[in-house]
Amino acid sequence: MKTATIPSLRVEPELRTAAEDVLEEGESLSSFVEQSIRDGVQRRQAQREFIARGLESRSAAMRNQDYVPAGKVLGRLEGMLQKAKRTAAAK
């Protein structure tokens, strides 16, 4: 398989210096940039999958009428917060 290149990137000298300062022993700036890109791609893929699962879960809950409306949840949380405040004030 042939390799591809990433377009060159112009950055402020301070950013380049900061990147060089955090290189591990034996690590090149190119390998650091490549790993950073790999990490970013993986993070964004995981984020997309997470959102897709959440949307599907929401859709399934709505189809099955198996969900609690946000207002009801917030009301319960507000009640819990007020109770905790009263308890803390009483101490």
PDB file of N, CA and C in Angstrom:
ATOM      1  N   MET A   1       0.840  -1.170   0.000  1.00  0.00           N
ATOM      2  CA  MET A   1       0.000   0.000   0.000  1.00  0.00           C
ATOM      3  C   MET A   1       0.891   1.240   0.000  1.00  0.00           C
ATOM      4  N   LYS A   2       0.570   2.175  -0.852  1.00  0.00           N
ATOM      5  CA  LYS A   2       1.304   3.429  -0.882  1.00  0.00           C
ATOM      6  C   LYS A   2       0.917   4.283   0.312  1.00  0.00           C
ATOM      7  N   THR A   3       1.837   5.116   0.738  1.00  0.00           N
ATOM      8  CA  THR A   3       1.524   6.049   1.806  1.00  0.00           C
ATOM      9  C   THR A   3       1.073   7.371   1.207  1.00  0.00           C
ATOM     10  N   ALA A   4       0.392   8.143   2.003  1.00  0.00           N
ATOM     11  CA  ALA A   4      -0.071   9.461   1.584  1.00  0.00           C
ATOM     12  C   ALA A   4       0.580  10.501   2.490  1.00  0.00           C
ATOM     13  N   THR A   5       0.496  11.742   2.088  1.00  0.00           N
ATOM     14  CA  THR A   5       1.063  12.797   2.912  1.00  0.00           C
ATOM     15  C   THR A   5      -0.049  13.674   3.465  1.00  0.00           C
ATOM     16  N   ILE A   6       0.261  14.301   4.580  1.00  0.00           N
ATOM     17  CA  ILE A   6      -0.622  15.294   5.185  1.00  0.00           C
ATOM     18  C   ILE A   6      -0.105  16.649   4.716  1.00  0.00           C
ATOM     19  N   PRO A   7      -0.976  17.566   4.372  1.00  0.00           N
ATOM     20  CA  PRO A   7      -0.498  18.881   3.929  1.00  0.00           C
ATOM     21  C   PRO A   7       0.388  19.545   4.995  1.00  0.00           C
ATOM     22  N   SER A   8       1.387  20.291   4.531  1.00  0.00           N
ATOM     23  CA  SER A   8       2.238  20.992   5.480  1.00  0.00           C
ATOM     24  C   SER A   8       1.401  22.020   6.226  1.00  0.00           C
ATOM     25  N   LEU A   9       1.848  22.352   7.408  1.00  0.00           N
ATOM     26  CA  LEU A   9       1.072  23.204   8.285  1.00  0.00           C
ATOM     27  C   LEU A   9       1.927  24.349   8.783  1.00  0.00           C
ATOM     28  N   ARG A  10       1.480  25.550   8.554  1.00  0.00           N
ATOM     29  CA  ARG A  10       2.205  26.722   9.048  1.00  0.00           C
ATOM     30  C   ARG A  10       1.640  27.088  10.407  1.00  0.00           C
ATOM     31  N   VAL A  11       2.536  27.233  11.389  1.00  0.00           N
ATOM     32  CA  VAL A  11       2.119  27.572  12.747  1.00  0.00           C
ATOM     33  C   VAL A  11       3.002  28.685  13.290  1.00  0.00           C
ATOM     34  N   GLU A  12       2.564  29.280  14.359  1.00  0.00           N
ATOM     35  CA  GLU A  12       3.373  30.278  15.040  1.00  0.00           C
ATOM     36  C   GLU A  12       4.627  29.603  15.594  1.00  0.00           C
ATOM     37  N   PRO A  13       5.740  30.304  15.604  1.00  0.00           N
ATOM     38  CA  PRO A  13       6.977  29.718  16.126  1.00  0.00           C
ATOM     39  C   PRO A  13       6.823  29.206  17.560  1.00  0.00           C
ATOM     40  N   GLU A  14       5.990  29.888  18.359  1.00  0.00           N
ATOM     41  CA  GLU A  14       5.801  29.463  19.754  1.00  0.00           C
ATOM     42  C   GLU A  14       5.143  28.086  19.836  1.00  0.00           C
ATOM     43  N   LEU A  15       4.222  27.800  18.925  1.00  0.00           N
ATOM     44  CA  LEU A  15       3.570  26.490  18.933  1.00  0.00           C
ATOM     45  C   LEU A  15       4.560  25.401  18.559  1.00  0.00           C
ATOM     46  N   ARG A  16       5.380  25.673  17.561  1.00  0.00           N
ATOM     47  CA  ARG A  16       6.389  24.684  17.171  1.00  0.00           C
ATOM     48  C   ARG A  16       7.339  24.420  18.331  1.00  0.00           C
ATOM     49  N   THR A  17       7.788  25.478  18.991  1.00  0.00           N
ATOM     50  CA  THR A  17       8.698  25.328  20.130  1.00  0.00           C
ATOM     51  C   THR A  17       8.031  24.523  21.241  1.00  0.00           C
ATOM     52  N   ALA A  18       6.763  24.830  21.525  1.00  0.00           N
ATOM     53  CA  ALA A  18       6.036  24.095  22.565  1.00  0.00           C
ATOM     54  C   ALA A  18       5.924  22.617  22.208  1.00  0.00           C
ATOM     55  N   ALA A  19       5.663  22.322  20.943  1.00  0.00           N
ATOM     56  CA  ALA A  19       5.559  20.920  20.503  1.00  0.00           C
ATOM     57  C   ALA A  19       6.911  20.223  20.635  1.00  0.00           C
ATOM     58  N   GLU A  20       7.964  20.895  20.248  1.00  0.00           N
ATOM     59  CA  GLU A  20       9.302  20.299  20.358  1.00  0.00           C
ATOM     60  C   GLU A  20       9.683  20.066  21.814  1.00  0.00           C
ATOM     61  N   ASP A  21       9.228  20.946  22.689  1.00  0.00           N
ATOM     62  CA  ASP A  21       9.560  20.819  24.108  1.00  0.00           C
ATOM     63  C   ASP A  21       8.919  19.604  24.768  1.00  0.00           C
ATOM     64  N   VAL A  22       7.821  19.101  24.220  1.00  0.00           N
ATOM     65  CA  VAL A  22       7.140  17.959  24.845  1.00  0.00           C
ATOM     66  C   VAL A  22       7.443  16.627  24.165  1.00  0.00           C
ATOM     67  N   LEU A  23       8.338  16.640  23.202  1.00  0.00           N
ATOM     68  CA  LEU A  23       8.685  15.379  22.525  1.00  0.00           C
ATOM     69  C   LEU A  23       9.356  14.421  23.501  1.00  0.00           C
ATOM     70  N   GLU A  24       9.004  13.164  23.389  1.00  0.00           N
ATOM     71  CA  GLU A  24       9.653  12.113  24.173  1.00  0.00           C
ATOM     72  C   GLU A  24      11.013  11.816  23.553  1.00  0.00           C
ATOM     73  N   GLU A  25      11.847  11.145  24.309  1.00  0.00           N
ATOM     74  CA  GLU A  25      13.174  10.804  23.790  1.00  0.00           C
ATOM     75  C   GLU A  25      13.040   9.911  22.556  1.00  0.00           C
ATOM     76  N   GLY A  26      13.716  10.295  21.490  1.00  0.00           N
ATOM     77  CA  GLY A  26      13.685   9.533  20.251  1.00  0.00           C
ATOM     78  C   GLY A  26      12.471   9.826  19.375  1.00  0.00           C
ATOM     79  N   GLU A  27      11.577  10.665  19.834  1.00  0.00           N
ATOM     80  CA  GLU A  27      10.371  10.996  19.075  1.00  0.00           C
ATOM     81  C   GLU A  27      10.656  12.196  18.176  1.00  0.00           C
ATOM     82  N   SER A  28      10.181  12.114  16.950  1.00  0.00           N
ATOM     83  CA  SER A  28      10.358  13.228  16.020  1.00  0.00           C
ATOM     84  C   SER A  28       9.098  14.081  16.016  1.00  0.00           C
ATOM     85  N   LEU A  29       9.258  15.289  15.540  1.00  0.00           N
ATOM     86  CA  LEU A  29       8.100  16.173  15.421  1.00  0.00           C
ATOM     87  C   LEU A  29       7.076  15.563  14.472  1.00  0.00           C
ATOM     88  N   SER A  30       7.551  14.927  13.403  1.00  0.00           N
ATOM     89  CA  SER A  30       6.639  14.282  12.451  1.00  0.00           C
ATOM     90  C   SER A  30       5.836  13.165  13.111  1.00  0.00           C
ATOM     91  N   SER A  31       6.491  12.333  13.923  1.00  0.00           N
ATOM     92  CA  SER A  31       5.758  11.240  14.576  1.00  0.00           C
ATOM     93  C   SER A  31       4.783  11.783  15.605  1.00  0.00           C
ATOM     94  N   PHE A  32       5.155  12.889  16.272  1.00  0.00           N
ATOM     95  CA  PHE A  32       4.255  13.526  17.225  1.00  0.00           C
ATOM     96  C   PHE A  32       3.001  14.042  16.508  1.00  0.00           C
ATOM     97  N   VAL A  33       3.192  14.704  15.378  1.00  0.00           N
ATOM     98  CA  VAL A  33       2.062  15.227  14.606  1.00  0.00           C
ATOM     99  C   VAL A  33       1.192  14.074  14.107  1.00  0.00           C
ATOM    100  N   GLU A  34       1.809  13.017  13.616  1.00  0.00           N
ATOM    101  CA  GLU A  34       1.037  11.868  13.135  1.00  0.00           C
ATOM    102  C   GLU A  34       0.204  11.266  14.262  1.00  0.00           C
ATOM    103  N   GLN A  35       0.809  11.094  15.433  1.00  0.00           N
ATOM    104  CA  GLN A  35       0.073  10.504  16.559  1.00  0.00           C
ATOM    105  C   GLN A  35      -1.054  11.426  17.010  1.00  0.00           C
ATOM    106  N   SER A  36      -0.806  12.723  16.970  1.00  0.00           N
ATOM    107  CA  SER A  36      -1.843  13.688  17.336  1.00  0.00           C
ATOM    108  C   SER A  36      -3.034  13.592  16.380  1.00  0.00           C
ATOM    109  N   ILE A  37      -2.749  13.441  15.109  1.00  0.00           N
ATOM    110  CA  ILE A  37      -3.824  13.292  14.120  1.00  0.00           C
ATOM    111  C   ILE A  37      -4.582  11.997  14.364  1.00  0.00           C
ATOM    112  N   ARG A  38      -3.849  10.904  14.608  1.00  0.00           N
ATOM    113  CA  ARG A  38      -4.510   9.616  14.886  1.00  0.00           C
ATOM    114  C   ARG A  38      -5.414   9.734  16.110  1.00  0.00           C
ATOM    115  N   ASP A  39      -4.907  10.370  17.179  1.00  0.00           N
ATOM    116  CA  ASP A  39      -5.703  10.543  18.395  1.00  0.00           C
ATOM    117  C   ASP A  39      -6.947  11.382  18.121  1.00  0.00           C
ATOM    118  N   GLY A  40      -6.801  12.457  17.351  1.00  0.00           N
ATOM    119  CA  GLY A  40      -7.936  13.309  17.023  1.00  0.00           C
ATOM    120  C   GLY A  40      -8.982  12.578  16.206  1.00  0.00           C
ATOM    121  N   VAL A  41      -8.535  11.801  15.235  1.00  0.00           N
ATOM    122  CA  VAL A  41      -9.464  11.019  14.407  1.00  0.00           C
ATOM    123  C   VAL A  41     -10.212  10.018  15.274  1.00  0.00           C
ATOM    124  N   GLN A  42      -9.485   9.311  16.132  1.00  0.00           N
ATOM    125  CA  GLN A  42     -10.116   8.308  16.995  1.00  0.00           C
ATOM    126  C   GLN A  42     -11.131   8.964  17.940  1.00  0.00           C
ATOM    127  N   ARG A  43     -10.778  10.110  18.517  1.00  0.00           N
ATOM    128  CA  ARG A  43     -11.680  10.818  19.427  1.00  0.00           C
ATOM    129  C   ARG A  43     -12.959  11.254  18.697  1.00  0.00           C
ATOM    130  N   ARG A  44     -12.799  11.774  17.498  1.00  0.00           N
ATOM    131  CA  ARG A  44     -13.991  12.220  16.749  1.00  0.00           C
ATOM    132  C   ARG A  44     -14.857  11.052  16.307  1.00  0.00           C
ATOM    133  N   GLN A  45     -14.230   9.924  15.937  1.00  0.00           N
ATOM    134  CA  GLN A  45     -15.020   8.750  15.575  1.00  0.00           C
ATOM    135  C   GLN A  45     -15.810   8.252  16.780  1.00  0.00           C
ATOM    136  N   ALA A  46     -15.155   8.212  17.945  1.00  0.00           N
ATOM    137  CA  ALA A  46     -15.836   7.766  19.162  1.00  0.00           C
ATOM    138  C   ALA A  46     -16.974   8.716  19.514  1.00  0.00           C
ATOM    139  N   GLN A  47     -16.746  10.001  19.320  1.00  0.00           N
ATOM    140  CA  GLN A  47     -17.774  11.000  19.602  1.00  0.00           C
ATOM    141  C   GLN A  47     -18.981  10.814  18.684  1.00  0.00           C
ATOM    142  N   ARG A  48     -18.732  10.601  17.406  1.00  0.00           N
ATOM    143  CA  ARG A  48     -19.835  10.360  16.462  1.00  0.00           C
ATOM    144  C   ARG A  48     -20.629   9.116  16.846  1.00  0.00           C
ATOM    145  N   GLU A  49     -19.912   8.034  17.197  1.00  0.00           N
ATOM    146  CA  GLU A  49     -20.584   6.795  17.579  1.00  0.00           C
ATOM    147  C   GLU A  49     -21.407   6.988  18.845  1.00  0.00           C
ATOM    148  N   PHE A  50     -20.863   7.735  19.801  1.00  0.00           N
ATOM    149  CA  PHE A  50     -21.576   8.018  21.044  1.00  0.00           C
ATOM    150  C   PHE A  50     -22.871   8.771  20.758  1.00  0.00           C
ATOM    151  N   ILE A  51     -22.791   9.787  19.931  1.00  0.00           N
ATOM    152  CA  ILE A  51     -23.970  10.578  19.586  1.00  0.00           C
ATOM    153  C   ILE A  51     -24.990   9.720  18.847  1.00  0.00           C
ATOM    154  N   ALA A  52     -24.524   8.893  17.925  1.00  0.00           N
ATOM    155  CA  ALA A  52     -25.437   8.020  17.176  1.00  0.00           C
ATOM    156  C   ALA A  52     -26.147   7.055  18.120  1.00  0.00           C
ATOM    157  N   ARG A  53     -25.411   6.482  19.084  1.00  0.00           N
ATOM    158  CA  ARG A  53     -26.049   5.572  20.053  1.00  0.00           C
ATOM    159  C   ARG A  53     -27.073   6.320  20.902  1.00  0.00           C
ATOM    160  N   GLY A  54     -26.735   7.541  21.306  1.00  0.00           N
ATOM    161  CA  GLY A  54     -27.663   8.333  22.115  1.00  0.00           C
ATOM    162  C   GLY A  54     -28.933   8.662  21.353  1.00  0.00           C
ATOM    163  N   LEU A  55     -28.781   9.054  20.092  1.00  0.00           N
ATOM    164  CA  LEU A  55     -29.956   9.372  19.277  1.00  0.00           C
ATOM    165  C   LEU A  55     -30.818   8.135  19.048  1.00  0.00           C
ATOM    166  N   GLU A  56     -30.177   7.010  18.814  1.00  0.00           N
ATOM    167  CA  GLU A  56     -30.936   5.772  18.619  1.00  0.00           C
ATOM    168  C   GLU A  56     -31.656   5.378  19.903  1.00  0.00           C
ATOM    169  N   SER A  57     -30.995   5.535  21.027  1.00  0.00           N
ATOM    170  CA  SER A  57     -31.612   5.221  22.311  1.00  0.00           C
ATOM    171  C   SER A  57     -32.822   6.116  22.557  1.00  0.00           C
ATOM    172  N   ARG A  58     -32.674   7.402  22.247  1.00  0.00           N
ATOM    173  CA  ARG A  58     -33.791   8.336  22.398  1.00  0.00           C
ATOM    174  C   ARG A  58     -34.963   7.922  21.516  1.00  0.00           C
ATOM    175  N   SER A  59     -34.650   7.576  20.264  1.00  0.00           N
ATOM    176  CA  SER A  59     -35.712   7.173  19.332  1.00  0.00           C
ATOM    177  C   SER A  59     -36.422   5.920  19.820  1.00  0.00           C
ATOM    178  N   ALA A  60     -35.652   4.952  20.313  1.00  0.00           N
ATOM    179  CA  ALA A  60     -36.246   3.712  20.815  1.00  0.00           C
ATOM    180  C   ALA A  60     -37.127   3.994  22.031  1.00  0.00           C
ATOM    181  N   ALA A  61     -36.661   4.859  22.919  1.00  0.00           N
ATOM    182  CA  ALA A  61     -37.450   5.194  24.108  1.00  0.00           C
ATOM    183  C   ALA A  61     -38.754   5.886  23.714  1.00  0.00           C
ATOM    184  N   MET A  62     -38.682   6.770  22.740  1.00  0.00           N
ATOM    185  CA  MET A  62     -39.893   7.469  22.299  1.00  0.00           C
ATOM    186  C   MET A  62     -40.866   6.506  21.615  1.00  0.00           C
ATOM    187  N   ARG A  63     -40.330   5.593  20.805  1.00  0.00           N
ATOM    188  CA  ARG A  63     -41.198   4.606  20.133  1.00  0.00           C
ATOM    189  C   ARG A  63     -41.915   3.734  21.155  1.00  0.00           C
ATOM    190  N   ASN A  64     -41.196   3.353  22.203  1.00  0.00           N
ATOM    191  CA  ASN A  64     -41.739   2.440  23.214  1.00  0.00           C
ATOM    192  C   ASN A  64     -42.438   3.179  24.354  1.00  0.00           C
ATOM    193  N   GLN A  65     -42.478   4.508  24.264  1.00  0.00           N
ATOM    194  CA  GLN A  65     -43.043   5.320  25.350  1.00  0.00           C
ATOM    195  C   GLN A  65     -42.388   4.966  26.685  1.00  0.00           C
ATOM    196  N   ASP A  66     -41.089   4.712  26.639  1.00  0.00           N
ATOM    197  CA  ASP A  66     -40.331   4.297  27.820  1.00  0.00           C
ATOM    198  C   ASP A  66     -39.296   5.369  28.146  1.00  0.00           C
ATOM    199  N   TYR A  67     -39.789   6.536  28.514  1.00  0.00           N
ATOM    200  CA  TYR A  67     -38.875   7.623  28.844  1.00  0.00           C
ATOM    201  C   TYR A  67     -39.537   8.544  29.862  1.00  0.00           C
ATOM    202  N   VAL A  68     -38.699   9.354  30.498  1.00  0.00           N
ATOM    203  CA  VAL A  68     -39.195  10.334  31.470  1.00  0.00           C
ATOM    204  C   VAL A  68     -38.930  11.707  30.876  1.00  0.00           C
ATOM    205  N   PRO A  69     -39.940  12.544  30.787  1.00  0.00           N
ATOM    206  CA  PRO A  69     -39.733  13.881  30.226  1.00  0.00           C
ATOM    207  C   PRO A  69     -38.701  14.673  31.028  1.00  0.00           C
ATOM    208  N   ALA A  70     -37.958  15.517  30.336  1.00  0.00           N
ATOM    209  CA  ALA A  70     -36.885  16.288  30.974  1.00  0.00           C
ATOM    210  C   ALA A  70     -37.418  17.139  32.119  1.00  0.00           C
ATOM    211  N   GLY A  71     -38.577  17.747  31.958  1.00  0.00           N
ATOM    212  CA  GLY A  71     -39.144  18.591  33.007  1.00  0.00           C
ATOM    213  C   GLY A  71     -39.366  17.831  34.305  1.00  0.00           C
ATOM    214  N   LYS A  72     -39.803  16.598  34.180  1.00  0.00           N
ATOM    215  CA  LYS A  72     -40.040  15.770  35.367  1.00  0.00           C
ATOM    216  C   LYS A  72     -38.711  15.436  36.054  1.00  0.00           C
ATOM    217  N   VAL A  73     -37.706  15.093  35.266  1.00  0.00           N
ATOM    218  CA  VAL A  73     -36.386  14.786  35.826  1.00  0.00           C
ATOM    219  C   VAL A  73     -35.822  16.016  36.527  1.00  0.00           C
ATOM    220  N   LEU A  74     -35.908  17.166  35.864  1.00  0.00           N
ATOM    221  CA  LEU A  74     -35.393  18.399  36.460  1.00  0.00           C
ATOM    222  C   LEU A  74     -36.147  18.746  37.739  1.00  0.00           C
ATOM    223  N   GLY A  75     -37.447  18.510  37.756  1.00  0.00           N
ATOM    224  CA  GLY A  75     -38.236  18.752  38.964  1.00  0.00           C
ATOM    225  C   GLY A  75     -37.770  17.885  40.115  1.00  0.00           C
ATOM    226  N   ARG A  76     -37.530  16.622  39.835  1.00  0.00           N
ATOM    227  CA  ARG A  76     -37.033  15.711  40.879  1.00  0.00           C
ATOM    228  C   ARG A  76     -35.665  16.153  41.384  1.00  0.00           C
ATOM    229  N   LEU A  77     -34.799  16.531  40.455  1.00  0.00           N
ATOM    230  CA  LEU A  77     -33.470  16.989  40.853  1.00  0.00           C
ATOM    231  C   LEU A  77     -33.551  18.261  41.693  1.00  0.00           C
ATOM    232  N   GLU A  78     -34.423  19.159  41.321  1.00  0.00           N
ATOM    233  CA  GLU A  78     -34.601  20.399  42.089  1.00  0.00           C
ATOM    234  C   GLU A  78     -35.075  20.079  43.504  1.00  0.00           C
ATOM    235  N   GLY A  79     -35.997  19.143  43.618  1.00  0.00           N
ATOM    236  CA  GLY A  79     -36.467  18.717  44.935  1.00  0.00           C
ATOM    237  C   GLY A  79     -35.342  18.126  45.772  1.00  0.00           C
ATOM    238  N   MET A  80     -34.515  17.316  45.155  1.00  0.00           N
ATOM    239  CA  MET A  80     -33.383  16.714  45.868  1.00  0.00           C
ATOM    240  C   MET A  80     -32.403  17.798  46.323  1.00  0.00           C
ATOM    241  N   LEU A  81     -32.179  18.780  45.465  1.00  0.00           N
ATOM    242  CA  LEU A  81     -31.267  19.869  45.803  1.00  0.00           C
ATOM    243  C   LEU A  81     -31.801  20.678  46.980  1.00  0.00           C
ATOM    244  N   GLN A  82     -33.078  21.001  46.948  1.00  0.00           N
ATOM    245  CA  GLN A  82     -33.663  21.769  48.046  1.00  0.00           C
ATOM    246  C   GLN A  82     -33.594  20.994  49.360  1.00  0.00           C
ATOM    247  N   LYS A  83     -33.850  19.707  49.299  1.00  0.00           N
ATOM    248  CA  LYS A  83     -33.777  18.869  50.509  1.00  0.00           C
ATOM    249  C   LYS A  83     -32.357  18.859  51.045  1.00  0.00           C
ATOM    250  N   ALA A  84     -31.366  18.735  50.170  1.00  0.00           N
ATOM    251  CA  ALA A  84     -29.975  18.708  50.591  1.00  0.00           C
ATOM    252  C   ALA A  84     -29.582  20.046  51.211  1.00  0.00           C
ATOM    253  N   LYS A  85     -30.080  21.160  50.657  1.00  0.00           N
ATOM    254  CA  LYS A  85     -29.796  22.483  51.210  1.00  0.00           C
ATOM    255  C   LYS A  85     -30.396  22.634  52.599  1.00  0.00           C
ATOM    256  N   ARG A  86     -31.647  22.138  52.777  1.00  0.00           N
ATOM    257  CA  ARG A  86     -32.277  22.210  54.100  1.00  0.00           C
ATOM    258  C   ARG A  86     -31.510  21.379  55.125  1.00  0.00           C
ATOM    259  N   THR A  87     -31.068  20.199  54.690  1.00  0.00           N
ATOM    260  CA  THR A  87     -30.309  19.332  55.583  1.00  0.00           C
ATOM    261  C   THR A  87     -28.995  19.983  55.979  1.00  0.00           C
ATOM    262  N   ALA A  88     -28.313  20.589  55.020  1.00  0.00           N
ATOM    263  CA  ALA A  88     -27.039  21.234  55.305  1.00  0.00           C
ATOM    264  C   ALA A  88     -27.232  22.446  56.210  1.00  0.00           C
ATOM    265  N   ALA A  89     -28.316  23.188  56.011  1.00  0.00           N
ATOM    266  CA  ALA A  89     -28.576  24.361  56.834  1.00  0.00           C
ATOM    267  C   ALA A  89     -28.918  23.979  58.268  1.00  0.00           C
ATOM    268  N   ALA A  90     -29.524  22.826  58.440  1.00  0.00           N
ATOM    269  CA  ALA A  90     -29.930  22.374  59.766  1.00  0.00           C
ATOM    270  C   ALA A  90     -28.735  21.896  60.607  1.00  0.00           C
ATOM    271  N   LYS A  91     -27.628  21.637  59.986  1.00  0.00           N
ATOM    272  CA  LYS A  91     -26.467  21.118  60.725  1.00  0.00           C
ATOM    273  C   LYS A  91     -25.707  22.197  61.406  1.00  0.00           C
TER     274      LYS A  91
END
